Amino acid sequence: MNGLAAAILPTEAEGLTGLGVAGWNRVRGRGTGLVIGLYNDVDELHGVEIGLLNRARDHPPPFQFVPFINVHLP
């Protein structure tokens, strides 16, 4: 997915470059850019997640789950 993904309910993408806005965002693969939602779940974070609960699966525990904002800028 390149560009903007927006929805009220979940969005799911194999990769994201750009902006994802939804109640629940799931990025399988590399997430580059900004993801905004209540719950965000990214396999490989290269950007910013903003939400109530954010998960970056490539971060070591206990830093996989972070509230409010999660940032990884390469």
PDB file of N, CA and C in Angstrom:
ATOM      1  N   MET A   1       0.845  -1.174   0.000  1.00  0.00           N
ATOM      2  CA  MET A   1       0.000   0.000   0.000  1.00  0.00           C
ATOM      3  C   MET A   1       0.885   1.230   0.000  1.00  0.00           C
ATOM      4  N   ASN A   2       0.734   2.064  -0.964  1.00  0.00           N
ATOM      5  CA  ASN A   2       1.443   3.337  -1.039  1.00  0.00           C
ATOM      6  C   ASN A   2       0.418   4.459  -1.047  1.00  0.00           C
ATOM      7  N   GLY A   3       0.599   5.414  -0.153  1.00  0.00           N
ATOM      8  CA  GLY A   3      -0.316   6.547  -0.118  1.00  0.00           C
ATOM      9  C   GLY A   3      -1.110   6.591   1.167  1.00  0.00           C
ATOM     10  N   LEU A   4      -2.434   6.706   1.051  1.00  0.00           N
ATOM     11  CA  LEU A   4      -3.324   6.882   2.195  1.00  0.00           C
ATOM     12  C   LEU A   4      -4.291   5.714   2.300  1.00  0.00           C
ATOM     13  N   ALA A   5      -4.370   5.131   3.495  1.00  0.00           N
ATOM     14  CA  ALA A   5      -5.378   4.114   3.795  1.00  0.00           C
ATOM     15  C   ALA A   5      -6.200   4.638   4.964  1.00  0.00           C
ATOM     16  N   ALA A   6      -7.508   4.799   4.766  1.00  0.00           N
ATOM     17  CA  ALA A   6      -8.367   5.343   5.812  1.00  0.00           C
ATOM     18  C   ALA A   6      -9.652   4.531   5.901  1.00  0.00           C
ATOM     19  N   ALA A   7     -10.077   4.235   7.133  1.00  0.00           N
ATOM     20  CA  ALA A   7     -11.305   3.484   7.355  1.00  0.00           C
ATOM     21  C   ALA A   7     -11.772   3.696   8.786  1.00  0.00           C
ATOM     22  N   ILE A   8     -13.050   3.442   9.019  1.00  0.00           N
ATOM     23  CA  ILE A   8     -13.576   3.500  10.385  1.00  0.00           C
ATOM     24  C   ILE A   8     -13.181   2.232  11.129  1.00  0.00           C
ATOM     25  N   LEU A   9     -13.309   1.100  10.489  1.00  0.00           N
ATOM     26  CA  LEU A   9     -12.958  -0.186  11.083  1.00  0.00           C
ATOM     27  C   LEU A   9     -11.537  -0.545  10.681  1.00  0.00           C
ATOM     28  N   PRO A  10     -11.168  -1.812  10.668  1.00  0.00           N
ATOM     29  CA  PRO A  10      -9.764  -2.174  10.443  1.00  0.00           C
ATOM     30  C   PRO A  10      -9.259  -1.923   9.026  1.00  0.00           C
ATOM     31  N   THR A  11      -7.968  -1.625   8.955  1.00  0.00           N
ATOM     32  CA  THR A  11      -7.236  -1.661   7.690  1.00  0.00           C
ATOM     33  C   THR A  11      -6.145  -2.710   7.847  1.00  0.00           C
ATOM     34  N   GLU A  12      -5.885  -3.431   6.776  1.00  0.00           N
ATOM     35  CA  GLU A  12      -4.827  -4.441   6.796  1.00  0.00           C
ATOM     36  C   GLU A  12      -4.081  -4.356   5.479  1.00  0.00           C
ATOM     37  N   ALA A  13      -2.738  -4.326   5.561  1.00  0.00           N
ATOM     38  CA  ALA A  13      -1.913  -4.207   4.366  1.00  0.00           C
ATOM     39  C   ALA A  13      -0.682  -5.083   4.501  1.00  0.00           C
ATOM     40  N   GLU A  14      -0.157  -5.511   3.362  1.00  0.00           N
ATOM     41  CA  GLU A  14       1.075  -6.305   3.347  1.00  0.00           C
ATOM     42  C   GLU A  14       2.288  -5.431   3.613  1.00  0.00           C
ATOM     43  N   GLY A  15       2.204  -4.183   3.363  1.00  0.00           N
ATOM     44  CA  GLY A  15       3.249  -3.198   3.622  1.00  0.00           C
ATOM     45  C   GLY A  15       2.613  -1.831   3.486  1.00  0.00           C
ATOM     46  N   LEU A  16       3.153  -0.850   4.146  1.00  0.00           N
ATOM     47  CA  LEU A  16       2.570   0.489   4.092  1.00  0.00           C
ATOM     48  C   LEU A  16       3.669   1.522   3.952  1.00  0.00           C
ATOM     49  N   THR A  17       3.527   2.393   2.963  1.00  0.00           N
ATOM     50  CA  THR A  17       4.379   3.561   2.813  1.00  0.00           C
ATOM     51  C   THR A  17       3.449   4.748   2.681  1.00  0.00           C
ATOM     52  N   GLY A  18       3.387   5.563   3.713  1.00  0.00           N
ATOM     53  CA  GLY A  18       2.488   6.709   3.692  1.00  0.00           C
ATOM     54  C   GLY A  18       1.750   6.858   5.002  1.00  0.00           C
ATOM     55  N   LEU A  19       0.414   6.992   4.930  1.00  0.00           N
ATOM     56  CA  LEU A  19      -0.419   7.268   6.091  1.00  0.00           C
ATOM     57  C   LEU A  19      -1.528   6.248   6.192  1.00  0.00           C
ATOM     58  N   GLY A  20      -1.688   5.661   7.378  1.00  0.00           N
ATOM     59  CA  GLY A  20      -2.789   4.754   7.654  1.00  0.00           C
ATOM     60  C   GLY A  20      -3.599   5.281   8.824  1.00  0.00           C
ATOM     61  N   VAL A  21      -4.915   5.482   8.616  1.00  0.00           N
ATOM     62  CA  VAL A  21      -5.795   6.000   9.662  1.00  0.00           C
ATOM     63  C   VAL A  21      -6.999   5.081   9.753  1.00  0.00           C
ATOM     64  N   ALA A  22      -7.211   4.489  10.941  1.00  0.00           N
ATOM     65  CA  ALA A  22      -8.355   3.607  11.153  1.00  0.00           C
ATOM     66  C   ALA A  22      -8.492   3.329  12.635  1.00  0.00           C
ATOM     67  N   GLY A  23      -9.568   2.680  13.011  1.00  0.00           N
ATOM     68  CA  GLY A  23      -9.731   2.263  14.393  1.00  0.00           C
ATOM     69  C   GLY A  23      -8.692   1.215  14.772  1.00  0.00           C
ATOM     70  N   TRP A  24      -8.360   0.337  13.800  1.00  0.00           N
ATOM     71  CA  TRP A  24      -7.376  -0.725  14.010  1.00  0.00           C
ATOM     72  C   TRP A  24      -6.559  -0.854  12.738  1.00  0.00           C
ATOM     73  N   ASN A  25      -5.249  -0.758  12.850  1.00  0.00           N
ATOM     74  CA  ASN A  25      -4.344  -0.877  11.711  1.00  0.00           C
ATOM     75  C   ASN A  25      -3.456  -2.094  11.891  1.00  0.00           C
ATOM     76  N   ARG A  26      -3.368  -2.936  10.855  1.00  0.00           N
ATOM     77  CA  ARG A  26      -2.478  -4.094  10.871  1.00  0.00           C
ATOM     78  C   ARG A  26      -1.633  -4.046   9.615  1.00  0.00           C
ATOM     79  N   VAL A  27      -0.310  -3.913   9.799  1.00  0.00           N
ATOM     80  CA  VAL A  27       0.624  -3.891   8.677  1.00  0.00           C
ATOM     81  C   VAL A  27       1.492  -5.134   8.770  1.00  0.00           C
ATOM     82  N   ARG A  28       1.329  -6.021   7.818  1.00  0.00           N
ATOM     83  CA  ARG A  28       2.152  -7.233   7.744  1.00  0.00           C
ATOM     84  C   ARG A  28       3.332  -6.907   6.833  1.00  0.00           C
ATOM     85  N   GLY A  29       4.475  -6.749   7.446  1.00  0.00           N
ATOM     86  CA  GLY A  29       5.653  -6.349   6.685  1.00  0.00           C
ATOM     87  C   GLY A  29       6.151  -5.005   7.183  1.00  0.00           C
ATOM     88  N   ARG A  30       6.758  -4.256   6.276  1.00  0.00           N
ATOM     89  CA  ARG A  30       7.392  -2.980   6.643  1.00  0.00           C
ATOM     90  C   ARG A  30       6.371  -1.846   6.632  1.00  0.00           C
ATOM     91  N   GLY A  31       6.330  -1.109   7.724  1.00  0.00           N
ATOM     92  CA  GLY A  31       5.486   0.070   7.833  1.00  0.00           C
ATOM     93  C   GLY A  31       6.359   1.320   7.861  1.00  0.00           C
ATOM     94  N   THR A  32       6.300   2.104   6.786  1.00  0.00           N
ATOM     95  CA  THR A  32       7.092   3.325   6.678  1.00  0.00           C
ATOM     96  C   THR A  32       6.128   4.502   6.592  1.00  0.00           C
ATOM     97  N   GLY A  33       6.223   5.407   7.542  1.00  0.00           N
ATOM     98  CA  GLY A  33       5.349   6.569   7.535  1.00  0.00           C
ATOM     99  C   GLY A  33       4.641   6.722   8.866  1.00  0.00           C
ATOM    100  N   LEU A  34       3.361   7.087   8.809  1.00  0.00           N
ATOM    101  CA  LEU A  34       2.573   7.384  10.000  1.00  0.00           C
ATOM    102  C   LEU A  34       1.325   6.517  10.029  1.00  0.00           C
ATOM    103  N   VAL A  35       1.076   5.893  11.188  1.00  0.00           N
ATOM    104  CA  VAL A  35      -0.120   5.082  11.402  1.00  0.00           C
ATOM    105  C   VAL A  35      -0.845   5.645  12.615  1.00  0.00           C
ATOM    106  N   ILE A  36      -2.140   5.956  12.441  1.00  0.00           N
ATOM    107  CA  ILE A  36      -2.945   6.536  13.517  1.00  0.00           C
ATOM    108  C   ILE A  36      -4.182   5.673  13.712  1.00  0.00           C
ATOM    109  N   GLY A  37      -4.418   5.236  14.957  1.00  0.00           N
ATOM    110  CA  GLY A  37      -5.598   4.437  15.259  1.00  0.00           C
ATOM    111  C   GLY A  37      -5.681   4.144  16.740  1.00  0.00           C
ATOM    112  N   LEU A  38      -6.762   3.479  17.138  1.00  0.00           N
ATOM    113  CA  LEU A  38      -6.877   3.074  18.533  1.00  0.00           C
ATOM    114  C   LEU A  38      -5.854   1.994  18.856  1.00  0.00           C
ATOM    115  N   TYR A  39      -5.713   1.003  17.940  1.00  0.00           N
ATOM    116  CA  TYR A  39      -4.719  -0.063  18.091  1.00  0.00           C
ATOM    117  C   TYR A  39      -3.971  -0.187  16.775  1.00  0.00           C
ATOM    118  N   ASN A  40      -2.646  -0.166  16.843  1.00  0.00           N
ATOM    119  CA  ASN A  40      -1.791  -0.284  15.669  1.00  0.00           C
ATOM    120  C   ASN A  40      -0.841  -1.460  15.862  1.00  0.00           C
ATOM    121  N   ASP A  41      -0.686  -2.277  14.823  1.00  0.00           N
ATOM    122  CA  ASP A  41       0.151  -3.468  14.884  1.00  0.00           C
ATOM    123  C   ASP A  41       0.975  -3.536  13.595  1.00  0.00           C
ATOM    124  N   VAL A  42       2.302  -3.363  13.723  1.00  0.00           N
ATOM    125  CA  VAL A  42       3.202  -3.339  12.569  1.00  0.00           C
ATOM    126  C   VAL A  42       4.302  -4.370  12.777  1.00  0.00           C
ATOM    127  N   ASP A  43       4.589  -5.163  11.742  1.00  0.00           N
ATOM    128  CA  ASP A  43       5.661  -6.158  11.845  1.00  0.00           C
ATOM    129  C   ASP A  43       7.039  -5.499  11.943  1.00  0.00           C
ATOM    130  N   GLU A  44       7.307  -4.535  11.071  1.00  0.00           N
ATOM    131  CA  GLU A  44       8.620  -3.879  11.021  1.00  0.00           C
ATOM    132  C   GLU A  44       8.394  -2.374  10.930  1.00  0.00           C
ATOM    133  N   LEU A  45       8.567  -1.676  12.033  1.00  0.00           N
ATOM    134  CA  LEU A  45       8.255  -0.255  12.105  1.00  0.00           C
ATOM    135  C   LEU A  45       9.426   0.606  11.656  1.00  0.00           C
ATOM    136  N   HIS A  46       9.167   1.481  10.688  1.00  0.00           N
ATOM    137  CA  HIS A  46      10.133   2.483  10.218  1.00  0.00           C
ATOM    138  C   HIS A  46       9.390   3.809  10.105  1.00  0.00           C
ATOM    139  N   GLY A  47       8.879   4.279  11.224  1.00  0.00           N
ATOM    140  CA  GLY A  47       8.092   5.503  11.221  1.00  0.00           C
ATOM    141  C   GLY A  47       7.486   5.745  12.591  1.00  0.00           C
ATOM    142  N   VAL A  48       6.201   6.149  12.606  1.00  0.00           N
ATOM    143  CA  VAL A  48       5.535   6.546  13.842  1.00  0.00           C
ATOM    144  C   VAL A  48       4.162   5.885  13.921  1.00  0.00           C
ATOM    145  N   GLU A  49       3.834   5.368  15.100  1.00  0.00           N
ATOM    146  CA  GLU A  49       2.496   4.872  15.406  1.00  0.00           C
ATOM    147  C   GLU A  49       1.914   5.765  16.503  1.00  0.00           C
ATOM    148  N   ILE A  50       0.686   6.235  16.309  1.00  0.00           N
ATOM    149  CA  ILE A  50      -0.001   7.032  17.322  1.00  0.00           C
ATOM    150  C   ILE A  50      -1.332   6.354  17.614  1.00  0.00           C
ATOM    151  N   GLY A  51      -1.575   6.015  18.891  1.00  0.00           N
ATOM    152  CA  GLY A  51      -2.822   5.365  19.266  1.00  0.00           C
ATOM    153  C   GLY A  51      -2.848   5.031  20.742  1.00  0.00           C
ATOM    154  N   LEU A  52      -3.960   4.444  21.181  1.00  0.00           N
ATOM    155  CA  LEU A  52      -4.055   4.040  22.585  1.00  0.00           C
ATOM    156  C   LEU A  52      -3.065   2.935  22.909  1.00  0.00           C
ATOM    157  N   LEU A  53      -2.913   1.981  21.978  1.00  0.00           N
ATOM    158  CA  LEU A  53      -1.933   0.908  22.153  1.00  0.00           C
ATOM    159  C   LEU A  53      -1.283   0.637  20.808  1.00  0.00           C
ATOM    160  N   ASN A  54       0.045   0.581  20.810  1.00  0.00           N
ATOM    161  CA  ASN A  54       0.821   0.380  19.588  1.00  0.00           C
ATOM    162  C   ASN A  54       1.730  -0.822  19.759  1.00  0.00           C
ATOM    163  N   ARG A  55       1.804  -1.648  18.713  1.00  0.00           N
ATOM    164  CA  ARG A  55       2.690  -2.809  18.751  1.00  0.00           C
ATOM    165  C   ARG A  55       3.627  -2.772  17.556  1.00  0.00           C
ATOM    166  N   ALA A  56       4.911  -2.871  17.846  1.00  0.00           N
ATOM    167  CA  ALA A  56       5.938  -3.020  16.807  1.00  0.00           C
ATOM    168  C   ALA A  56       6.593  -4.375  17.065  1.00  0.00           C
ATOM    169  N   ARG A  57       6.282  -5.342  16.221  1.00  0.00           N
ATOM    170  CA  ARG A  57       6.740  -6.723  16.451  1.00  0.00           C
ATOM    171  C   ARG A  57       8.250  -6.884  16.332  1.00  0.00           C
ATOM    172  N   ASP A  58       8.936  -5.944  15.670  1.00  0.00           N
ATOM    173  CA  ASP A  58      10.385  -6.065  15.526  1.00  0.00           C
ATOM    174  C   ASP A  58      11.150  -5.482  16.712  1.00  0.00           C
ATOM    175  N   HIS A  59      10.475  -4.846  17.649  1.00  0.00           N
ATOM    176  CA  HIS A  59      11.138  -4.314  18.840  1.00  0.00           C
ATOM    177  C   HIS A  59      11.277  -5.414  19.884  1.00  0.00           C
ATOM    178  N   PRO A  60      12.321  -5.362  20.718  1.00  0.00           N
ATOM    179  CA  PRO A  60      12.492  -6.388  21.746  1.00  0.00           C
ATOM    180  C   PRO A  60      11.488  -6.192  22.885  1.00  0.00           C
ATOM    181  N   PRO A  61      11.062  -7.300  23.526  1.00  0.00           N
ATOM    182  CA  PRO A  61      10.198  -7.156  24.700  1.00  0.00           C
ATOM    183  C   PRO A  61      10.961  -6.409  25.787  1.00  0.00           C
ATOM    184  N   PRO A  62      10.383  -5.582  26.569  1.00  0.00           N
ATOM    185  CA  PRO A  62       8.968  -5.237  26.713  1.00  0.00           C
ATOM    186  C   PRO A  62       8.563  -4.048  25.865  1.00  0.00           C
ATOM    187  N   PHE A  63       9.352  -3.669  24.859  1.00  0.00           N
ATOM    188  CA  PHE A  63       9.094  -2.469  24.071  1.00  0.00           C
ATOM    189  C   PHE A  63       8.232  -2.725  22.839  1.00  0.00           C
ATOM    190  N   GLN A  64       7.700  -3.936  22.690  1.00  0.00           N
ATOM    191  CA  GLN A  64       6.804  -4.223  21.569  1.00  0.00           C
ATOM    192  C   GLN A  64       5.473  -3.501  21.734  1.00  0.00           C
ATOM    193  N   PHE A  65       4.951  -3.450  22.930  1.00  0.00           N
ATOM    194  CA  PHE A  65       3.679  -2.782  23.207  1.00  0.00           C
ATOM    195  C   PHE A  65       3.953  -1.453  23.910  1.00  0.00           C
ATOM    196  N   VAL A  66       3.537  -0.356  23.282  1.00  0.00           N
ATOM    197  CA  VAL A  66       3.787   0.976  23.812  1.00  0.00           C
ATOM    198  C   VAL A  66       2.498   1.783  23.709  1.00  0.00           C
ATOM    199  N   PRO A  67       2.082   2.452  24.789  1.00  0.00           N
ATOM    200  CA  PRO A  67       0.880   3.285  24.698  1.00  0.00           C
ATOM    201  C   PRO A  67       1.187   4.642  24.053  1.00  0.00           C
ATOM    202  N   PHE A  68       0.196   5.208  23.415  1.00  0.00           N
ATOM    203  CA  PHE A  68       0.160   6.568  22.875  1.00  0.00           C
ATOM    204  C   PHE A  68       1.046   6.814  21.644  1.00  0.00           C
ATOM    205  N   ILE A  69       2.341   6.663  21.748  1.00  0.00           N
ATOM    206  CA  ILE A  69       3.194   6.927  20.585  1.00  0.00           C
ATOM    207  C   ILE A  69       4.385   5.966  20.575  1.00  0.00           C
ATOM    208  N   ASN A  70       4.679   5.443  19.382  1.00  0.00           N
ATOM    209  CA  ASN A  70       5.803   4.538  19.204  1.00  0.00           C
ATOM    210  C   ASN A  70       6.564   5.026  17.975  1.00  0.00           C
ATOM    211  N   VAL A  71       7.863   5.238  18.140  1.00  0.00           N
ATOM    212  CA  VAL A  71       8.665   5.821  17.060  1.00  0.00           C
ATOM    213  C   VAL A  71       9.887   4.962  16.806  1.00  0.00           C
ATOM    214  N   HIS A  72      10.159   4.723  15.532  1.00  0.00           N
ATOM    215  CA  HIS A  72      11.426   4.112  15.125  1.00  0.00           C
ATOM    216  C   HIS A  72      11.827   4.767  13.827  1.00  0.00           C
ATOM    217  N   LEU A  73      12.819   5.625  13.909  1.00  0.00           N
ATOM    218  CA  LEU A  73      13.312   6.315  12.720  1.00  0.00           C
ATOM    219  C   LEU A  73      14.717   5.809  12.411  1.00  0.00           C
ATOM    220  N   PRO A  74      14.888   5.170  11.237  1.00  0.00           N
ATOM    221  CA  PRO A  74      16.201   4.610  10.902  1.00  0.00           C
ATOM    222  C   PRO A  74      17.234   5.664  10.605  1.00  0.00           C
TER     223      PRO A  74
END
